[in-house]
Amino acid sequence: MSLSTYTTTSGFLLPSIHSAPPFFTEQPNPTTQATATAQWSRLILAYARHKKLFILRVEDVETSGSDWDEILRNTRINRKILPGYLSNIMEAMVAQNLAVYEPVKQTRSVLVYWRLPEEWAEVLYDWVISTGQLNTILTFYDITDPPLESLLTGIPISLLRKAISILSKTGRSQTIAIADGEGVRFLARSK
Protein backbone atom coordinates (compact mmCIF):
# COMPACT_ATOMS: atom_id res chain seq x y z
CA MET A 1 0.00 0.00 0.00
CA SER A 2 1.34 3.40 -0.87
CA LEU A 3 1.25 6.20 1.63
CA SER A 4 -0.97 9.06 0.59
CA THR A 5 -2.69 12.04 2.07
CA TYR A 6 -6.42 11.85 2.63
CA THR A 7 -9.08 14.49 3.13
CA THR A 8 -11.57 13.63 5.87
CA THR A 9 -15.30 14.32 5.72
CA SER A 10 -14.71 17.45 7.83
CA GLY A 11 -12.23 18.73 5.23
CA PHE A 12 -9.07 18.03 7.23
CA LEU A 13 -6.07 16.85 5.19
CA LEU A 14 -4.47 13.87 6.92
CA PRO A 15 -0.73 13.52 6.31
CA SER A 16 0.54 10.50 4.41
CA ILE A 17 2.02 9.02 7.62
CA HIS A 18 -1.58 8.43 8.76
CA SER A 19 -1.77 5.72 6.05
CA ALA A 20 1.13 3.76 7.60
CA PRO A 21 0.00 0.93 9.92
CA PRO A 22 3.10 1.31 12.19
CA PHE A 23 2.04 4.91 12.94
CA PHE A 24 -0.75 3.52 15.13
CA THR A 25 1.51 1.39 17.36
CA GLU A 26 4.33 2.25 19.71
CA GLN A 27 7.75 1.57 18.23
CA PRO A 28 10.51 -0.27 20.11
CA ASN A 29 13.25 2.02 18.80
CA PRO A 30 13.33 5.19 20.99
CA THR A 31 14.39 7.45 18.11
CA THR A 32 11.62 6.16 15.85
CA GLN A 33 9.12 6.48 18.69
CA ALA A 34 10.21 10.08 19.43
CA THR A 35 9.63 10.96 15.77
CA ALA A 36 6.20 9.28 15.79
CA THR A 37 5.23 11.07 19.01
CA ALA A 38 6.22 14.43 17.48
CA GLN A 39 4.16 13.61 14.37
CA TRP A 40 1.15 12.60 16.50
CA SER A 41 1.49 15.81 18.53
CA ARG A 42 1.49 17.96 15.37
CA LEU A 43 -1.46 16.01 13.98
CA ILE A 44 -3.48 16.40 17.20
CA LEU A 45 -2.76 20.14 17.39
CA ALA A 46 -3.62 20.73 13.71
CA TYR A 47 -6.82 18.72 13.94
CA ALA A 48 -7.88 20.42 17.18
CA ARG A 49 -7.40 23.81 15.51
CA HIS A 50 -9.31 22.65 12.41
CA LYS A 51 -12.28 21.35 14.42
CA LYS A 52 -11.92 23.86 17.29
CA LEU A 53 -11.56 21.04 19.82
CA PHE A 54 -10.10 21.68 23.24
CA ILE A 55 -10.33 18.43 25.21
CA LEU A 56 -8.78 15.11 24.24
CA ARG A 57 -9.54 12.05 26.39
CA VAL A 58 -8.05 8.58 26.34
CA GLU A 59 -11.66 7.35 26.11
CA ASP A 60 -11.98 9.05 22.70
CA VAL A 61 -10.10 6.05 21.27
CA GLU A 62 -12.74 3.67 22.58
CA THR A 63 -15.75 5.77 21.58
CA SER A 64 -16.80 5.30 17.99
CA GLY A 65 -18.11 8.56 16.60
CA SER A 66 -16.07 10.78 18.94
CA ASP A 67 -14.95 14.22 17.78
CA TRP A 68 -11.46 12.76 17.32
CA ASP A 69 -12.40 9.67 15.27
CA GLU A 70 -11.02 11.03 12.01
CA ILE A 71 -7.46 11.03 13.33
CA LEU A 72 -7.46 8.36 16.05
CA ARG A 73 -8.75 5.75 13.61
CA ASN A 74 -8.00 4.89 10.02
CA THR A 75 -10.72 2.59 8.73
CA ARG A 76 -9.04 2.41 5.30
CA ILE A 77 -6.21 0.36 6.84
CA ASN A 78 -8.24 -1.00 9.79
CA ARG A 79 -6.11 0.70 12.46
CA LYS A 80 -6.70 2.78 15.56
CA ILE A 81 -4.35 4.11 18.19
CA LEU A 82 -4.43 2.16 21.43
CA PRO A 83 -5.42 3.92 24.68
CA GLY A 84 -2.01 3.36 26.32
CA TYR A 85 -0.21 4.81 23.33
CA LEU A 86 -2.49 7.87 23.26
CA SER A 87 -1.90 8.30 26.98
CA ASN A 88 1.87 8.35 26.36
CA ILE A 89 1.47 10.92 23.56
CA MET A 90 -0.68 13.08 25.85
CA GLU A 91 2.02 12.83 28.54
CA ALA A 92 4.66 13.96 26.02
CA MET A 93 2.45 16.87 24.94
CA VAL A 94 2.04 17.97 28.57
CA ALA A 95 5.83 17.75 29.08
CA GLN A 96 6.33 20.03 26.06
CA ASN A 97 3.63 22.51 27.22
CA LEU A 98 1.44 21.66 24.22
CA ALA A 99 -1.33 20.51 26.57
CA VAL A 100 -2.23 20.37 30.27
CA TYR A 101 -4.11 17.73 32.19
CA GLU A 102 -7.70 18.90 32.56
CA PRO A 103 -8.96 18.48 35.19
CA VAL A 104 -5.68 18.49 37.08
CA LYS A 105 -4.53 15.53 39.18
CA GLN A 106 -5.51 12.94 36.56
CA THR A 107 -3.83 11.71 33.36
CA ARG A 108 -6.70 10.61 31.10
CA SER A 109 -7.82 13.97 29.72
CA VAL A 110 -5.91 16.98 28.40
CA LEU A 111 -6.68 20.51 27.34
CA VAL A 112 -4.93 20.84 23.98
CA TYR A 113 -3.02 24.08 23.38
CA TRP A 114 -3.56 24.57 19.66
CA ARG A 115 -3.01 28.17 20.72
CA LEU A 116 -0.84 28.85 23.75
CA PRO A 117 -2.43 30.78 26.64
CA GLU A 118 -0.32 33.80 25.65
CA GLU A 119 -1.80 33.66 22.14
CA TRP A 120 -5.31 33.33 23.57
CA ALA A 121 -4.64 36.40 25.70
CA GLU A 122 -3.92 38.42 22.56
CA VAL A 123 -6.95 36.96 20.74
CA LEU A 124 -9.10 37.92 23.74
CA TYR A 125 -7.71 41.43 23.97
CA ASP A 126 -8.08 42.00 20.20
CA TRP A 127 -11.69 40.76 20.41
CA VAL A 128 -12.46 43.15 23.28
CA ILE A 129 -11.05 46.08 21.31
CA SER A 130 -12.77 45.10 18.04
CA THR A 131 -16.14 44.82 19.80
CA GLY A 132 -15.68 48.15 21.62
CA GLN A 133 -15.79 46.65 25.11
CA LEU A 134 -12.79 48.28 26.80
CA ASN A 135 -13.69 49.35 30.36
CA THR A 136 -16.86 47.24 30.22
CA ILE A 137 -17.37 44.50 32.78
CA LEU A 138 -17.92 41.20 31.00
CA THR A 139 -18.86 37.87 32.54
CA PHE A 140 -17.00 34.76 31.47
CA TYR A 141 -20.24 33.70 29.77
CA ASP A 142 -20.26 36.95 27.75
CA ILE A 143 -16.85 35.96 26.40
CA THR A 144 -17.33 32.22 25.83
CA ASP A 145 -20.86 32.52 24.42
CA PRO A 146 -21.11 35.92 22.70
CA PRO A 147 -24.15 36.90 20.59
CA LEU A 148 -22.01 36.66 17.45
CA GLU A 149 -19.70 33.66 17.21
CA SER A 150 -16.06 34.58 17.71
CA LEU A 151 -12.71 32.84 18.04
CA LEU A 152 -13.45 32.68 21.78
CA THR A 153 -16.79 30.88 21.46
CA GLY A 154 -16.61 27.71 23.53
CA ILE A 155 -13.16 28.34 25.02
CA PRO A 156 -12.85 26.39 28.28
CA ILE A 157 -13.07 28.57 31.40
CA SER A 158 -9.71 27.28 32.68
CA LEU A 159 -8.00 28.48 29.49
CA LEU A 160 -9.91 31.77 29.60
CA ARG A 161 -8.69 32.31 33.18
CA LYS A 162 -5.08 31.78 32.06
CA ALA A 163 -5.50 34.30 29.24
CA ILE A 164 -7.07 36.84 31.61
CA SER A 165 -4.26 36.27 34.11
CA ILE A 166 -1.68 37.00 31.42
CA LEU A 167 -3.50 40.22 30.53
CA SER A 168 -3.70 41.15 34.22
CA LYS A 169 0.08 40.88 34.56
CA THR A 170 0.44 43.45 31.78
CA GLY A 171 -2.21 45.76 33.25
CA ARG A 172 -4.75 45.08 30.49
CA SER A 173 -7.41 43.31 32.55
CA GLN A 174 -8.75 43.08 36.06
CA THR A 175 -10.96 40.38 37.52
CA ILE A 176 -13.99 41.68 39.39
CA ALA A 177 -16.43 39.90 41.72
CA ILE A 178 -20.00 40.31 40.50
CA ALA A 179 -23.35 39.13 41.83
CA ASP A 180 -23.39 35.81 40.00
CA GLY A 181 -19.69 34.95 39.92
CA GLU A 182 -16.75 36.62 38.30
CA GLY A 183 -16.37 39.26 35.69
CA VAL A 184 -13.47 40.95 34.01
CA ARG A 185 -12.79 44.50 32.89
CA PHE A 186 -10.35 45.10 30.08
CA LEU A 187 -8.23 48.22 30.22
CA ALA A 188 -6.44 50.21 27.56
CA ARG A 189 -2.76 49.43 27.13
CA SER A 190 -0.66 51.68 29.27
CA LYS A 191 1.85 53.66 27.28
C-alpha atoms as a PDB file:
ATOM      1  CA  MET A   1       0.000   0.000   0.000  1.00  0.00           C
ATOM      2  CA  SER A   2       1.342   3.396  -0.872  1.00  0.00           C
ATOM      3  CA  LEU A   3       1.252   6.198   1.630  1.00  0.00           C
ATOM      4  CA  SER A   4      -0.966   9.059   0.587  1.00  0.00           C
ATOM      5  CA  THR A   5      -2.687  12.043   2.071  1.00  0.00           C
ATOM      6  CA  TYR A   6      -6.422  11.848   2.628  1.00  0.00           C
ATOM      7  CA  THR A   7      -9.077  14.494   3.126  1.00  0.00           C
ATOM      8  CA  THR A   8     -11.573  13.626   5.872  1.00  0.00           C
ATOM      9  CA  THR A   9     -15.300  14.316   5.721  1.00  0.00           C
ATOM     10  CA  SER A  10     -14.707  17.453   7.833  1.00  0.00           C
ATOM     11  CA  GLY A  11     -12.233  18.734   5.225  1.00  0.00           C
ATOM     12  CA  PHE A  12      -9.072  18.028   7.234  1.00  0.00           C
ATOM     13  CA  LEU A  13      -6.075  16.853   5.194  1.00  0.00           C
ATOM     14  CA  LEU A  14      -4.474  13.866   6.916  1.00  0.00           C
ATOM     15  CA  PRO A  15      -0.729  13.524   6.310  1.00  0.00           C
ATOM     16  CA  SER A  16       0.538  10.501   4.411  1.00  0.00           C
ATOM     17  CA  ILE A  17       2.019   9.018   7.622  1.00  0.00           C
ATOM     18  CA  HIS A  18      -1.580   8.430   8.756  1.00  0.00           C
ATOM     19  CA  SER A  19      -1.769   5.719   6.055  1.00  0.00           C
ATOM     20  CA  ALA A  20       1.125   3.764   7.595  1.00  0.00           C
ATOM     21  CA  PRO A  21       0.002   0.935   9.920  1.00  0.00           C
ATOM     22  CA  PRO A  22       3.100   1.311  12.191  1.00  0.00           C
ATOM     23  CA  PHE A  23       2.040   4.912  12.936  1.00  0.00           C
ATOM     24  CA  PHE A  24      -0.749   3.519  15.129  1.00  0.00           C
ATOM     25  CA  THR A  25       1.507   1.393  17.356  1.00  0.00           C
ATOM     26  CA  GLU A  26       4.332   2.253  19.710  1.00  0.00           C
ATOM     27  CA  GLN A  27       7.747   1.570  18.230  1.00  0.00           C
ATOM     28  CA  PRO A  28      10.513  -0.266  20.108  1.00  0.00           C
ATOM     29  CA  ASN A  29      13.254   2.022  18.796  1.00  0.00           C
ATOM     30  CA  PRO A  30      13.328   5.188  20.994  1.00  0.00           C
ATOM     31  CA  THR A  31      14.390   7.451  18.112  1.00  0.00           C
ATOM     32  CA  THR A  32      11.624   6.158  15.847  1.00  0.00           C
ATOM     33  CA  GLN A  33       9.123   6.477  18.692  1.00  0.00           C
ATOM     34  CA  ALA A  34      10.206  10.081  19.427  1.00  0.00           C
ATOM     35  CA  THR A  35       9.627  10.960  15.771  1.00  0.00           C
ATOM     36  CA  ALA A  36       6.203   9.284  15.789  1.00  0.00           C
ATOM     37  CA  THR A  37       5.234  11.074  19.014  1.00  0.00           C
ATOM     38  CA  ALA A  38       6.224  14.425  17.480  1.00  0.00           C
ATOM     39  CA  GLN A  39       4.156  13.610  14.368  1.00  0.00           C
ATOM     40  CA  TRP A  40       1.151  12.600  16.500  1.00  0.00           C
ATOM     41  CA  SER A  41       1.488  15.811  18.532  1.00  0.00           C
ATOM     42  CA  ARG A  42       1.492  17.961  15.373  1.00  0.00           C
ATOM     43  CA  LEU A  43      -1.462  16.009  13.982  1.00  0.00           C
ATOM     44  CA  ILE A  44      -3.476  16.396  17.203  1.00  0.00           C
ATOM     45  CA  LEU A  45      -2.763  20.138  17.386  1.00  0.00           C
ATOM     46  CA  ALA A  46      -3.615  20.734  13.711  1.00  0.00           C
ATOM     47  CA  TYR A  47      -6.816  18.718  13.943  1.00  0.00           C
ATOM     48  CA  ALA A  48      -7.876  20.417  17.176  1.00  0.00           C
ATOM     49  CA  ARG A  49      -7.404  23.810  15.511  1.00  0.00           C
ATOM     50  CA  HIS A  50      -9.313  22.649  12.413  1.00  0.00           C
ATOM     51  CA  LYS A  51     -12.280  21.355  14.423  1.00  0.00           C
ATOM     52  CA  LYS A  52     -11.917  23.858  17.291  1.00  0.00           C
ATOM     53  CA  LEU A  53     -11.565  21.041  19.824  1.00  0.00           C
ATOM     54  CA  PHE A  54     -10.105  21.685  23.244  1.00  0.00           C
ATOM     55  CA  ILE A  55     -10.327  18.433  25.214  1.00  0.00           C
ATOM     56  CA  LEU A  56      -8.785  15.106  24.240  1.00  0.00           C
ATOM     57  CA  ARG A  57      -9.544  12.049  26.385  1.00  0.00           C
ATOM     58  CA  VAL A  58      -8.046   8.576  26.344  1.00  0.00           C
ATOM     59  CA  GLU A  59     -11.662   7.355  26.111  1.00  0.00           C
ATOM     60  CA  ASP A  60     -11.980   9.048  22.702  1.00  0.00           C
ATOM     61  CA  VAL A  61     -10.102   6.053  21.269  1.00  0.00           C
ATOM     62  CA  GLU A  62     -12.736   3.668  22.583  1.00  0.00           C
ATOM     63  CA  THR A  63     -15.746   5.769  21.579  1.00  0.00           C
ATOM     64  CA  SER A  64     -16.805   5.300  17.989  1.00  0.00           C
ATOM     65  CA  GLY A  65     -18.113   8.562  16.605  1.00  0.00           C
ATOM     66  CA  SER A  66     -16.071  10.776  18.935  1.00  0.00           C
ATOM     67  CA  ASP A  67     -14.950  14.216  17.776  1.00  0.00           C
ATOM     68  CA  TRP A  68     -11.462  12.762  17.323  1.00  0.00           C
ATOM     69  CA  ASP A  69     -12.401   9.673  15.270  1.00  0.00           C
ATOM     70  CA  GLU A  70     -11.020  11.026  12.007  1.00  0.00           C
ATOM     71  CA  ILE A  71      -7.463  11.028  13.326  1.00  0.00           C
ATOM     72  CA  LEU A  72      -7.462   8.365  16.055  1.00  0.00           C
ATOM     73  CA  ARG A  73      -8.751   5.749  13.606  1.00  0.00           C
ATOM     74  CA  ASN A  74      -7.998   4.885  10.020  1.00  0.00           C
ATOM     75  CA  THR A  75     -10.719   2.586   8.730  1.00  0.00           C
ATOM     76  CA  ARG A  76      -9.045   2.409   5.296  1.00  0.00           C
ATOM     77  CA  ILE A  77      -6.209   0.360   6.839  1.00  0.00           C
ATOM     78  CA  ASN A  78      -8.235  -0.997   9.792  1.00  0.00           C
ATOM     79  CA  ARG A  79      -6.105   0.699  12.461  1.00  0.00           C
ATOM     80  CA  LYS A  80      -6.698   2.778  15.557  1.00  0.00           C
ATOM     81  CA  ILE A  81      -4.350   4.109  18.186  1.00  0.00           C
ATOM     82  CA  LEU A  82      -4.426   2.160  21.432  1.00  0.00           C
ATOM     83  CA  PRO A  83      -5.416   3.924  24.681  1.00  0.00           C
ATOM     84  CA  GLY A  84      -2.013   3.362  26.322  1.00  0.00           C
ATOM     85  CA  TYR A  85      -0.208   4.813  23.325  1.00  0.00           C
ATOM     86  CA  LEU A  86      -2.491   7.866  23.257  1.00  0.00           C
ATOM     87  CA  SER A  87      -1.901   8.302  26.983  1.00  0.00           C
ATOM     88  CA  ASN A  88       1.871   8.348  26.358  1.00  0.00           C
ATOM     89  CA  ILE A  89       1.466  10.915  23.564  1.00  0.00           C
ATOM     90  CA  MET A  90      -0.677  13.081  25.849  1.00  0.00           C
ATOM     91  CA  GLU A  91       2.018  12.830  28.542  1.00  0.00           C
ATOM     92  CA  ALA A  92       4.659  13.957  26.023  1.00  0.00           C
ATOM     93  CA  MET A  93       2.448  16.875  24.938  1.00  0.00           C
ATOM     94  CA  VAL A  94       2.042  17.972  28.568  1.00  0.00           C
ATOM     95  CA  ALA A  95       5.829  17.746  29.084  1.00  0.00           C
ATOM     96  CA  GLN A  96       6.325  20.035  26.058  1.00  0.00           C
ATOM     97  CA  ASN A  97       3.630  22.514  27.218  1.00  0.00           C
ATOM     98  CA  LEU A  98       1.438  21.660  24.218  1.00  0.00           C
ATOM     99  CA  ALA A  99      -1.333  20.509  26.569  1.00  0.00           C
ATOM    100  CA  VAL A 100      -2.232  20.368  30.272  1.00  0.00           C
ATOM    101  CA  TYR A 101      -4.109  17.732  32.187  1.00  0.00           C
ATOM    102  CA  GLU A 102      -7.702  18.896  32.565  1.00  0.00           C
ATOM    103  CA  PRO A 103      -8.960  18.481  35.194  1.00  0.00           C
ATOM    104  CA  VAL A 104      -5.681  18.495  37.081  1.00  0.00           C
ATOM    105  CA  LYS A 105      -4.533  15.526  39.184  1.00  0.00           C
ATOM    106  CA  GLN A 106      -5.509  12.937  36.558  1.00  0.00           C
ATOM    107  CA  THR A 107      -3.828  11.706  33.356  1.00  0.00           C
ATOM    108  CA  ARG A 108      -6.698  10.609  31.097  1.00  0.00           C
ATOM    109  CA  SER A 109      -7.818  13.971  29.724  1.00  0.00           C
ATOM    110  CA  VAL A 110      -5.907  16.981  28.399  1.00  0.00           C
ATOM    111  CA  LEU A 111      -6.680  20.514  27.338  1.00  0.00           C
ATOM    112  CA  VAL A 112      -4.926  20.843  23.981  1.00  0.00           C
ATOM    113  CA  TYR A 113      -3.018  24.082  23.380  1.00  0.00           C
ATOM    114  CA  TRP A 114      -3.556  24.572  19.661  1.00  0.00           C
ATOM    115  CA  ARG A 115      -3.010  28.168  20.719  1.00  0.00           C
ATOM    116  CA  LEU A 116      -0.844  28.848  23.748  1.00  0.00           C
ATOM    117  CA  PRO A 117      -2.434  30.780  26.643  1.00  0.00           C
ATOM    118  CA  GLU A 118      -0.318  33.804  25.650  1.00  0.00           C
ATOM    119  CA  GLU A 119      -1.800  33.660  22.140  1.00  0.00           C
ATOM    120  CA  TRP A 120      -5.315  33.329  23.568  1.00  0.00           C
ATOM    121  CA  ALA A 121      -4.639  36.405  25.705  1.00  0.00           C
ATOM    122  CA  GLU A 122      -3.920  38.423  22.560  1.00  0.00           C
ATOM    123  CA  VAL A 123      -6.955  36.960  20.744  1.00  0.00           C
ATOM    124  CA  LEU A 124      -9.099  37.917  23.744  1.00  0.00           C
ATOM    125  CA  TYR A 125      -7.714  41.432  23.968  1.00  0.00           C
ATOM    126  CA  ASP A 126      -8.081  41.998  20.203  1.00  0.00           C
ATOM    127  CA  TRP A 127     -11.695  40.765  20.408  1.00  0.00           C
ATOM    128  CA  VAL A 128     -12.458  43.150  23.283  1.00  0.00           C
ATOM    129  CA  ILE A 129     -11.046  46.076  21.311  1.00  0.00           C
ATOM    130  CA  SER A 130     -12.773  45.100  18.044  1.00  0.00           C
ATOM    131  CA  THR A 131     -16.140  44.823  19.796  1.00  0.00           C
ATOM    132  CA  GLY A 132     -15.677  48.147  21.620  1.00  0.00           C
ATOM    133  CA  GLN A 133     -15.788  46.654  25.111  1.00  0.00           C
ATOM    134  CA  LEU A 134     -12.793  48.278  26.796  1.00  0.00           C
ATOM    135  CA  ASN A 135     -13.691  49.354  30.357  1.00  0.00           C
ATOM    136  CA  THR A 136     -16.860  47.241  30.219  1.00  0.00           C
ATOM    137  CA  ILE A 137     -17.373  44.500  32.785  1.00  0.00           C
ATOM    138  CA  LEU A 138     -17.916  41.196  31.004  1.00  0.00           C
ATOM    139  CA  THR A 139     -18.857  37.871  32.540  1.00  0.00           C
ATOM    140  CA  PHE A 140     -16.996  34.759  31.465  1.00  0.00           C
ATOM    141  CA  TYR A 141     -20.236  33.704  29.769  1.00  0.00           C
ATOM    142  CA  ASP A 142     -20.259  36.954  27.750  1.00  0.00           C
ATOM    143  CA  ILE A 143     -16.852  35.962  26.404  1.00  0.00           C
ATOM    144  CA  THR A 144     -17.332  32.219  25.829  1.00  0.00           C
ATOM    145  CA  ASP A 145     -20.861  32.521  24.416  1.00  0.00           C
ATOM    146  CA  PRO A 146     -21.109  35.917  22.702  1.00  0.00           C
ATOM    147  CA  PRO A 147     -24.150  36.899  20.590  1.00  0.00           C
ATOM    148  CA  LEU A 148     -22.012  36.656  17.446  1.00  0.00           C
ATOM    149  CA  GLU A 149     -19.697  33.659  17.212  1.00  0.00           C
ATOM    150  CA  SER A 150     -16.055  34.576  17.709  1.00  0.00           C
ATOM    151  CA  LEU A 151     -12.711  32.842  18.043  1.00  0.00           C
ATOM    152  CA  LEU A 152     -13.447  32.682  21.782  1.00  0.00           C
ATOM    153  CA  THR A 153     -16.788  30.884  21.456  1.00  0.00           C
ATOM    154  CA  GLY A 154     -16.609  27.709  23.533  1.00  0.00           C
ATOM    155  CA  ILE A 155     -13.159  28.342  25.016  1.00  0.00           C
ATOM    156  CA  PRO A 156     -12.848  26.390  28.280  1.00  0.00           C
ATOM    157  CA  ILE A 157     -13.068  28.569  31.401  1.00  0.00           C
ATOM    158  CA  SER A 158      -9.713  27.283  32.681  1.00  0.00           C
ATOM    159  CA  LEU A 159      -7.996  28.480  29.488  1.00  0.00           C
ATOM    160  CA  LEU A 160      -9.913  31.774  29.595  1.00  0.00           C
ATOM    161  CA  ARG A 161      -8.694  32.314  33.180  1.00  0.00           C
ATOM    162  CA  LYS A 162      -5.084  31.782  32.061  1.00  0.00           C
ATOM    163  CA  ALA A 163      -5.499  34.296  29.238  1.00  0.00           C
ATOM    164  CA  ILE A 164      -7.068  36.840  31.613  1.00  0.00           C
ATOM    165  CA  SER A 165      -4.262  36.269  34.112  1.00  0.00           C
ATOM    166  CA  ILE A 166      -1.678  36.996  31.417  1.00  0.00           C
ATOM    167  CA  LEU A 167      -3.501  40.217  30.528  1.00  0.00           C
ATOM    168  CA  SER A 168      -3.697  41.147  34.225  1.00  0.00           C
ATOM    169  CA  LYS A 169       0.079  40.883  34.556  1.00  0.00           C
ATOM    170  CA  THR A 170       0.437  43.453  31.778  1.00  0.00           C
ATOM    171  CA  GLY A 171      -2.207  45.760  33.245  1.00  0.00           C
ATOM    172  CA  ARG A 172      -4.748  45.081  30.492  1.00  0.00           C
ATOM    173  CA  SER A 173      -7.409  43.305  32.552  1.00  0.00           C
ATOM    174  CA  GLN A 174      -8.747  43.080  36.059  1.00  0.00           C
ATOM    175  CA  THR A 175     -10.961  40.382  37.525  1.00  0.00           C
ATOM    176  CA  ILE A 176     -13.993  41.679  39.393  1.00  0.00           C
ATOM    177  CA  ALA A 177     -16.430  39.904  41.721  1.00  0.00           C
ATOM    178  CA  ILE A 178     -19.998  40.313  40.500  1.00  0.00           C
ATOM    179  CA  ALA A 179     -23.347  39.129  41.835  1.00  0.00           C
ATOM    180  CA  ASP A 180     -23.391  35.812  40.000  1.00  0.00           C
ATOM    181  CA  GLY A 181     -19.688  34.950  39.922  1.00  0.00           C
ATOM    182  CA  GLU A 182     -16.747  36.622  38.303  1.00  0.00           C
ATOM    183  CA  GLY A 183     -16.372  39.261  35.687  1.00  0.00           C
ATOM    184  CA  VAL A 184     -13.475  40.954  34.009  1.00  0.00           C
ATOM    185  CA  ARG A 185     -12.791  44.497  32.894  1.00  0.00           C
ATOM    186  CA  PHE A 186     -10.346  45.102  30.078  1.00  0.00           C
ATOM    187  CA  LEU A 187      -8.231  48.215  30.225  1.00  0.00           C
ATOM    188  CA  ALA A 188      -6.439  50.208  27.559  1.00  0.00           C
ATOM    189  CA  ARG A 189      -2.763  49.429  27.126  1.00  0.00           C
ATOM    190  CA  SER A 190      -0.659  51.683  29.274  1.00  0.00           C
ATOM    191  CA  LYS A 191       1.853  53.657  27.282  1.00  0.00           C
END
